[in-house]
N, C-alpha and C. Protein backbone atom coordinates (compact mmCIF):
# COMPACT_ATOMS: atom_id res chain seq x y z
N MET A 1 50.90 160.28 -71.04
CA MET A 1 51.87 159.86 -72.03
C MET A 1 52.54 158.54 -71.61
N LYS A 2 52.79 158.39 -70.29
CA LYS A 2 53.42 157.17 -69.80
C LYS A 2 52.56 155.95 -70.11
N GLU A 3 51.24 156.10 -70.03
CA GLU A 3 50.34 154.99 -70.32
C GLU A 3 50.42 154.56 -71.78
N ILE A 4 50.51 155.52 -72.68
CA ILE A 4 50.62 155.22 -74.11
C ILE A 4 51.93 154.48 -74.39
N ILE A 5 52.99 154.90 -73.75
CA ILE A 5 54.29 154.23 -73.94
C ILE A 5 54.22 152.79 -73.43
N MET A 6 53.58 152.58 -72.27
CA MET A 6 53.47 151.23 -71.72
C MET A 6 52.68 150.32 -72.66
N VAL A 7 51.57 150.83 -73.20
CA VAL A 7 50.78 150.04 -74.15
C VAL A 7 51.61 149.74 -75.41
N GLY A 8 52.33 150.74 -75.90
CA GLY A 8 53.15 150.56 -77.09
C GLY A 8 54.26 149.55 -76.89
N LEU A 9 54.94 149.62 -75.76
CA LEU A 9 56.02 148.66 -75.48
C LEU A 9 55.47 147.24 -75.36
N GLY A 10 54.37 147.10 -74.65
CA GLY A 10 53.75 145.78 -74.51
C GLY A 10 53.26 145.26 -75.85
N GLY A 11 52.65 146.14 -76.63
CA GLY A 11 52.15 145.75 -77.95
C GLY A 11 53.26 145.31 -78.88
N ALA A 12 54.38 146.01 -78.84
CA ALA A 12 55.52 145.64 -79.68
C ALA A 12 56.05 144.26 -79.28
N ALA A 13 56.19 144.04 -77.98
CA ALA A 13 56.69 142.73 -77.50
C ALA A 13 55.71 141.62 -77.87
N GLY A 14 54.41 141.87 -77.70
CA GLY A 14 53.40 140.87 -78.05
C GLY A 14 53.39 140.56 -79.54
N SER A 15 53.52 141.57 -80.35
CA SER A 15 53.55 141.37 -81.80
C SER A 15 54.76 140.57 -82.24
N ILE A 16 55.90 140.87 -81.64
CA ILE A 16 57.12 140.13 -81.97
C ILE A 16 56.97 138.67 -81.56
N LEU A 17 56.44 138.43 -80.35
CA LEU A 17 56.26 137.06 -79.90
C LEU A 17 55.24 136.32 -80.75
N ARG A 18 54.21 137.03 -81.20
CA ARG A 18 53.23 136.40 -82.09
C ARG A 18 53.92 135.94 -83.38
N TYR A 19 54.73 136.79 -83.94
CA TYR A 19 55.43 136.44 -85.18
C TYR A 19 56.35 135.23 -84.96
N LEU A 20 57.13 135.27 -83.90
CA LEU A 20 58.05 134.17 -83.61
C LEU A 20 57.30 132.88 -83.32
N SER A 21 56.22 132.96 -82.57
CA SER A 21 55.40 131.78 -82.26
C SER A 21 54.82 131.19 -83.54
N SER A 22 54.32 132.05 -84.40
CA SER A 22 53.74 131.61 -85.66
C SER A 22 54.79 130.90 -86.52
N GLN A 23 55.98 131.48 -86.61
CA GLN A 23 57.05 130.87 -87.39
C GLN A 23 57.44 129.50 -86.81
N PHE A 24 57.49 129.42 -85.50
CA PHE A 24 57.85 128.16 -84.84
C PHE A 24 56.81 127.07 -85.12
N VAL A 25 55.54 127.40 -84.95
CA VAL A 25 54.48 126.40 -85.16
C VAL A 25 54.44 125.99 -86.63
N GLN A 26 54.54 126.94 -87.54
CA GLN A 26 54.48 126.63 -88.97
C GLN A 26 55.66 125.77 -89.42
N LYS A 27 56.78 125.89 -88.73
CA LYS A 27 57.96 125.10 -89.07
C LYS A 27 57.69 123.60 -88.87
N TYR A 28 56.85 123.28 -87.88
CA TYR A 28 56.59 121.88 -87.55
C TYR A 28 55.19 121.42 -87.97
N ASN A 29 54.43 122.26 -88.63
CA ASN A 29 53.08 121.91 -89.05
C ASN A 29 52.88 122.27 -90.51
N ASN A 30 52.60 121.27 -91.32
CA ASN A 30 52.38 121.50 -92.75
C ASN A 30 50.93 121.27 -93.15
N GLY A 31 50.05 121.10 -92.18
CA GLY A 31 48.66 120.80 -92.48
C GLY A 31 47.89 122.02 -92.95
N HIS A 32 46.63 121.80 -93.29
CA HIS A 32 45.77 122.88 -93.78
C HIS A 32 45.10 123.65 -92.65
N PHE A 33 45.02 123.05 -91.46
CA PHE A 33 44.42 123.72 -90.32
C PHE A 33 45.35 124.85 -89.86
N PRO A 34 44.81 126.05 -89.63
CA PRO A 34 45.66 127.18 -89.22
C PRO A 34 46.11 127.04 -87.76
N LEU A 35 46.97 126.07 -87.52
CA LEU A 35 47.39 125.72 -86.16
C LEU A 35 48.12 126.86 -85.46
N ALA A 36 48.91 127.64 -86.19
CA ALA A 36 49.66 128.73 -85.56
C ALA A 36 48.72 129.77 -84.96
N THR A 37 47.77 130.23 -85.73
CA THR A 37 46.81 131.22 -85.23
C THR A 37 45.97 130.64 -84.10
N PHE A 38 45.53 129.41 -84.28
CA PHE A 38 44.74 128.74 -83.24
C PHE A 38 45.52 128.65 -81.93
N THR A 39 46.77 128.21 -82.02
CA THR A 39 47.61 128.07 -80.83
C THR A 39 47.85 129.41 -80.16
N ILE A 40 48.16 130.42 -80.94
CA ILE A 40 48.40 131.76 -80.41
C ILE A 40 47.15 132.29 -79.72
N ASN A 41 45.99 132.09 -80.33
CA ASN A 41 44.74 132.58 -79.72
C ASN A 41 44.47 131.89 -78.39
N VAL A 42 44.67 130.58 -78.32
CA VAL A 42 44.41 129.85 -77.08
C VAL A 42 45.41 130.27 -75.99
N ILE A 43 46.69 130.37 -76.36
CA ILE A 43 47.69 130.80 -75.38
C ILE A 43 47.40 132.23 -74.91
N GLY A 44 47.02 133.10 -75.83
CA GLY A 44 46.69 134.47 -75.46
C GLY A 44 45.50 134.54 -74.52
N CYS A 45 44.50 133.70 -74.74
CA CYS A 45 43.34 133.65 -73.85
C CYS A 45 43.73 133.15 -72.46
N LEU A 46 44.57 132.13 -72.41
CA LEU A 46 45.05 131.64 -71.12
C LEU A 46 45.83 132.73 -70.40
N LEU A 47 46.71 133.40 -71.12
CA LEU A 47 47.54 134.44 -70.52
C LEU A 47 46.70 135.61 -70.01
N ILE A 48 45.73 136.06 -70.79
CA ILE A 48 44.93 137.19 -70.33
C ILE A 48 44.11 136.80 -69.10
N GLY A 49 43.66 135.54 -69.04
CA GLY A 49 42.94 135.08 -67.86
C GLY A 49 43.82 135.08 -66.62
N VAL A 50 45.05 134.58 -66.78
CA VAL A 50 46.01 134.57 -65.67
C VAL A 50 46.30 135.99 -65.21
N LEU A 51 46.53 136.89 -66.15
CA LEU A 51 46.86 138.28 -65.80
C LEU A 51 45.69 139.00 -65.13
N ILE A 52 44.49 138.83 -65.65
CA ILE A 52 43.32 139.47 -65.04
C ILE A 52 43.13 138.94 -63.62
N GLY A 53 43.27 137.61 -63.45
CA GLY A 53 43.14 137.03 -62.12
C GLY A 53 44.21 137.53 -61.18
N TYR A 54 45.43 137.62 -61.66
CA TYR A 54 46.55 138.09 -60.84
C TYR A 54 46.34 139.54 -60.41
N PHE A 55 45.99 140.39 -61.36
CA PHE A 55 45.82 141.80 -61.03
C PHE A 55 44.60 142.05 -60.15
N SER A 56 43.60 141.18 -60.24
CA SER A 56 42.43 141.36 -59.36
C SER A 56 42.76 140.98 -57.92
N LYS A 57 43.76 140.11 -57.72
CA LYS A 57 44.17 139.72 -56.37
C LYS A 57 45.18 140.67 -55.76
N THR A 58 46.03 141.24 -56.57
CA THR A 58 47.10 142.10 -56.06
C THR A 58 46.83 143.54 -56.46
N GLN A 59 46.47 144.33 -55.50
CA GLN A 59 46.16 145.74 -55.76
C GLN A 59 47.39 146.63 -55.66
N VAL A 60 48.56 146.06 -55.35
CA VAL A 60 49.76 146.87 -55.15
C VAL A 60 50.38 147.33 -56.46
N LEU A 61 50.08 146.65 -57.56
CA LEU A 61 50.69 147.03 -58.83
C LEU A 61 49.97 148.22 -59.43
N GLN A 62 50.74 149.05 -60.07
CA GLN A 62 50.17 150.24 -60.70
C GLN A 62 49.44 149.88 -61.98
N ASN A 63 48.55 150.77 -62.39
CA ASN A 63 47.76 150.58 -63.60
C ASN A 63 48.63 150.43 -64.84
N GLU A 64 49.81 151.03 -64.83
CA GLU A 64 50.70 150.94 -65.99
C GLU A 64 51.09 149.50 -66.30
N TRP A 65 51.24 148.66 -65.28
CA TRP A 65 51.59 147.26 -65.50
C TRP A 65 50.46 146.50 -66.16
N LYS A 66 49.22 146.87 -65.83
CA LYS A 66 48.07 146.27 -66.50
C LYS A 66 48.05 146.69 -67.97
N LEU A 67 48.31 147.96 -68.21
CA LEU A 67 48.34 148.45 -69.59
C LEU A 67 49.46 147.79 -70.38
N LEU A 68 50.61 147.62 -69.77
CA LEU A 68 51.74 146.97 -70.44
C LEU A 68 51.42 145.52 -70.78
N SER A 69 50.91 144.77 -69.81
CA SER A 69 50.75 143.33 -69.99
C SER A 69 49.43 142.94 -70.65
N ILE A 70 48.32 143.50 -70.20
CA ILE A 70 47.02 143.07 -70.73
C ILE A 70 46.70 143.81 -72.03
N THR A 71 46.61 145.13 -71.96
CA THR A 71 46.25 145.90 -73.14
C THR A 71 47.34 145.82 -74.21
N GLY A 72 48.58 146.05 -73.80
CA GLY A 72 49.68 146.07 -74.76
C GLY A 72 50.11 144.70 -75.22
N PHE A 73 50.67 143.90 -74.29
CA PHE A 73 51.24 142.62 -74.69
C PHE A 73 50.19 141.67 -75.24
N CYS A 74 49.11 141.44 -74.48
CA CYS A 74 48.07 140.51 -74.96
C CYS A 74 47.40 141.05 -76.22
N GLY A 75 47.21 142.37 -76.28
CA GLY A 75 46.62 142.97 -77.48
C GLY A 75 47.51 142.82 -78.69
N GLY A 76 48.83 142.92 -78.50
CA GLY A 76 49.76 142.72 -79.60
C GLY A 76 49.90 141.25 -79.97
N TYR A 77 49.80 140.39 -78.98
CA TYR A 77 49.93 138.96 -79.23
C TYR A 77 48.69 138.42 -79.92
N THR A 78 47.52 138.80 -79.44
CA THR A 78 46.26 138.40 -80.07
C THR A 78 45.11 139.22 -79.54
N THR A 79 44.31 139.80 -80.43
CA THR A 79 43.11 140.51 -79.97
C THR A 79 42.01 139.53 -79.62
N PHE A 80 42.18 138.28 -80.00
CA PHE A 80 41.18 137.27 -79.67
C PHE A 80 41.06 137.10 -78.16
N SER A 81 42.16 137.31 -77.44
CA SER A 81 42.12 137.19 -75.99
C SER A 81 41.21 138.26 -75.38
N ALA A 82 41.25 139.46 -75.91
CA ALA A 82 40.35 140.52 -75.42
C ALA A 82 38.90 140.18 -75.75
N PHE A 83 38.68 139.67 -76.94
CA PHE A 83 37.34 139.25 -77.36
C PHE A 83 36.79 138.17 -76.43
N ALA A 84 37.61 137.18 -76.12
CA ALA A 84 37.18 136.11 -75.23
C ALA A 84 36.92 136.63 -73.82
N SER A 85 37.77 137.50 -73.34
CA SER A 85 37.62 138.07 -72.00
C SER A 85 36.33 138.91 -71.90
N GLU A 86 36.06 139.69 -72.92
CA GLU A 86 34.83 140.50 -72.93
C GLU A 86 33.59 139.62 -72.92
N ASN A 87 33.63 138.53 -73.67
CA ASN A 87 32.49 137.61 -73.69
C ASN A 87 32.31 136.92 -72.35
N LEU A 88 33.39 136.51 -71.72
CA LEU A 88 33.28 135.90 -70.40
C LEU A 88 32.71 136.89 -69.39
N ASN A 89 33.10 138.14 -69.52
CA ASN A 89 32.55 139.20 -68.67
C ASN A 89 31.04 139.31 -68.84
N LEU A 90 30.59 139.31 -70.09
CA LEU A 90 29.15 139.38 -70.36
C LEU A 90 28.44 138.16 -69.78
N ILE A 91 29.01 136.98 -69.96
CA ILE A 91 28.40 135.76 -69.43
C ILE A 91 28.35 135.79 -67.91
N ASN A 92 29.44 136.23 -67.27
CA ASN A 92 29.47 136.32 -65.81
C ASN A 92 28.47 137.33 -65.27
N ASN A 93 28.10 138.30 -66.09
CA ASN A 93 27.10 139.30 -65.70
C ASN A 93 25.70 138.92 -66.17
N ASN A 94 25.53 137.63 -66.47
CA ASN A 94 24.23 137.08 -66.90
C ASN A 94 23.68 137.77 -68.15
N GLN A 95 24.55 138.18 -69.02
CA GLN A 95 24.16 138.77 -70.29
C GLN A 95 24.52 137.79 -71.42
N ILE A 96 24.02 136.59 -71.27
CA ILE A 96 24.35 135.51 -72.20
C ILE A 96 23.87 135.81 -73.61
N GLY A 97 22.67 136.34 -73.72
CA GLY A 97 22.14 136.69 -75.04
C GLY A 97 23.02 137.72 -75.74
N LEU A 98 23.46 138.72 -74.99
CA LEU A 98 24.33 139.74 -75.57
C LEU A 98 25.68 139.14 -75.96
N ALA A 99 26.19 138.22 -75.14
CA ALA A 99 27.46 137.56 -75.46
C ALA A 99 27.32 136.75 -76.76
N LEU A 100 26.25 136.00 -76.88
CA LEU A 100 26.03 135.21 -78.09
C LEU A 100 25.88 136.10 -79.32
N PHE A 101 25.18 137.22 -79.14
CA PHE A 101 25.02 138.18 -80.23
C PHE A 101 26.37 138.76 -80.63
N TYR A 102 27.17 139.13 -79.65
CA TYR A 102 28.51 139.68 -79.89
C TYR A 102 29.39 138.66 -80.62
N ILE A 103 29.35 137.42 -80.18
CA ILE A 103 30.14 136.36 -80.81
C ILE A 103 29.72 136.17 -82.27
N ALA A 104 28.42 135.98 -82.48
CA ALA A 104 27.92 135.72 -83.83
C ALA A 104 28.17 136.92 -84.76
N LEU A 105 27.89 138.10 -84.25
CA LEU A 105 28.07 139.31 -85.07
C LEU A 105 29.55 139.52 -85.41
N SER A 106 30.42 139.30 -84.44
CA SER A 106 31.85 139.48 -84.68
C SER A 106 32.37 138.51 -85.73
N ILE A 107 31.95 137.26 -85.62
CA ILE A 107 32.41 136.26 -86.59
C ILE A 107 31.85 136.57 -87.98
N PHE A 108 30.54 136.79 -88.05
CA PHE A 108 29.90 137.05 -89.34
C PHE A 108 30.45 138.31 -89.99
N LEU A 109 30.44 139.44 -89.25
CA LEU A 109 30.90 140.69 -89.84
C LEU A 109 32.41 140.67 -90.11
N GLY A 110 33.18 139.97 -89.26
CA GLY A 110 34.62 139.86 -89.50
C GLY A 110 34.91 139.17 -90.81
N ILE A 111 34.26 138.04 -91.04
CA ILE A 111 34.46 137.30 -92.30
C ILE A 111 33.94 138.12 -93.48
N ALA A 112 32.78 138.75 -93.31
CA ALA A 112 32.20 139.58 -94.38
C ALA A 112 33.10 140.77 -94.70
N ALA A 113 33.71 141.37 -93.68
CA ALA A 113 34.58 142.52 -93.91
C ALA A 113 35.85 142.10 -94.65
N VAL A 114 36.40 140.94 -94.33
CA VAL A 114 37.57 140.44 -95.08
C VAL A 114 37.19 140.22 -96.53
N TRP A 115 36.05 139.58 -96.76
CA TRP A 115 35.57 139.32 -98.12
C TRP A 115 35.38 140.63 -98.87
N LEU A 116 34.71 141.62 -98.23
CA LEU A 116 34.49 142.92 -98.87
C LEU A 116 35.82 143.63 -99.15
N GLY A 117 36.74 143.55 -98.20
CA GLY A 117 38.06 144.14 -98.43
C GLY A 117 38.77 143.54 -99.61
N LEU A 118 38.66 142.22 -99.77
CA LEU A 118 39.26 141.56 -100.94
C LEU A 118 38.60 142.03 -102.22
N LEU A 119 37.27 142.15 -102.21
CA LEU A 119 36.57 142.65 -103.39
C LEU A 119 36.99 144.07 -103.74
N LEU A 120 37.08 144.92 -102.73
CA LEU A 120 37.46 146.31 -102.96
C LEU A 120 38.89 146.41 -103.50
N SER A 121 39.77 145.56 -103.01
CA SER A 121 41.16 145.64 -103.47
C SER A 121 41.32 145.13 -104.90
N ARG A 122 40.39 144.33 -105.36
CA ARG A 122 40.46 143.79 -106.73
C ARG A 122 39.78 144.72 -107.73
N ALA A 123 39.00 145.66 -107.25
CA ALA A 123 38.25 146.55 -108.14
C ALA A 123 39.13 147.60 -108.78
């Protein structure tokens, strides 16, 4: 139960920061490029990389801190960071073909699922 609470607390904090970050970026950007989402995704990827590297060096921290910060906070801030981390893992394990397949399939099916969801909601 403690693990679920840690993920939930981190996820709530990440979601709140995502909202605030998005509002801040949109306040200063009126262009058509989705700069807020792009910025959040890049920052989330940087953060998850720092956290994974930190936790791999320091074994003294309990698993709950990983759940709070990586699974919860980064997951609430952006799931793109998890997607990027998983792909880097595949590439580091010499599974480049599988990584490319995962990337292409995720993008294609993600866009197709949004399109299908819009169609279903209009029916």
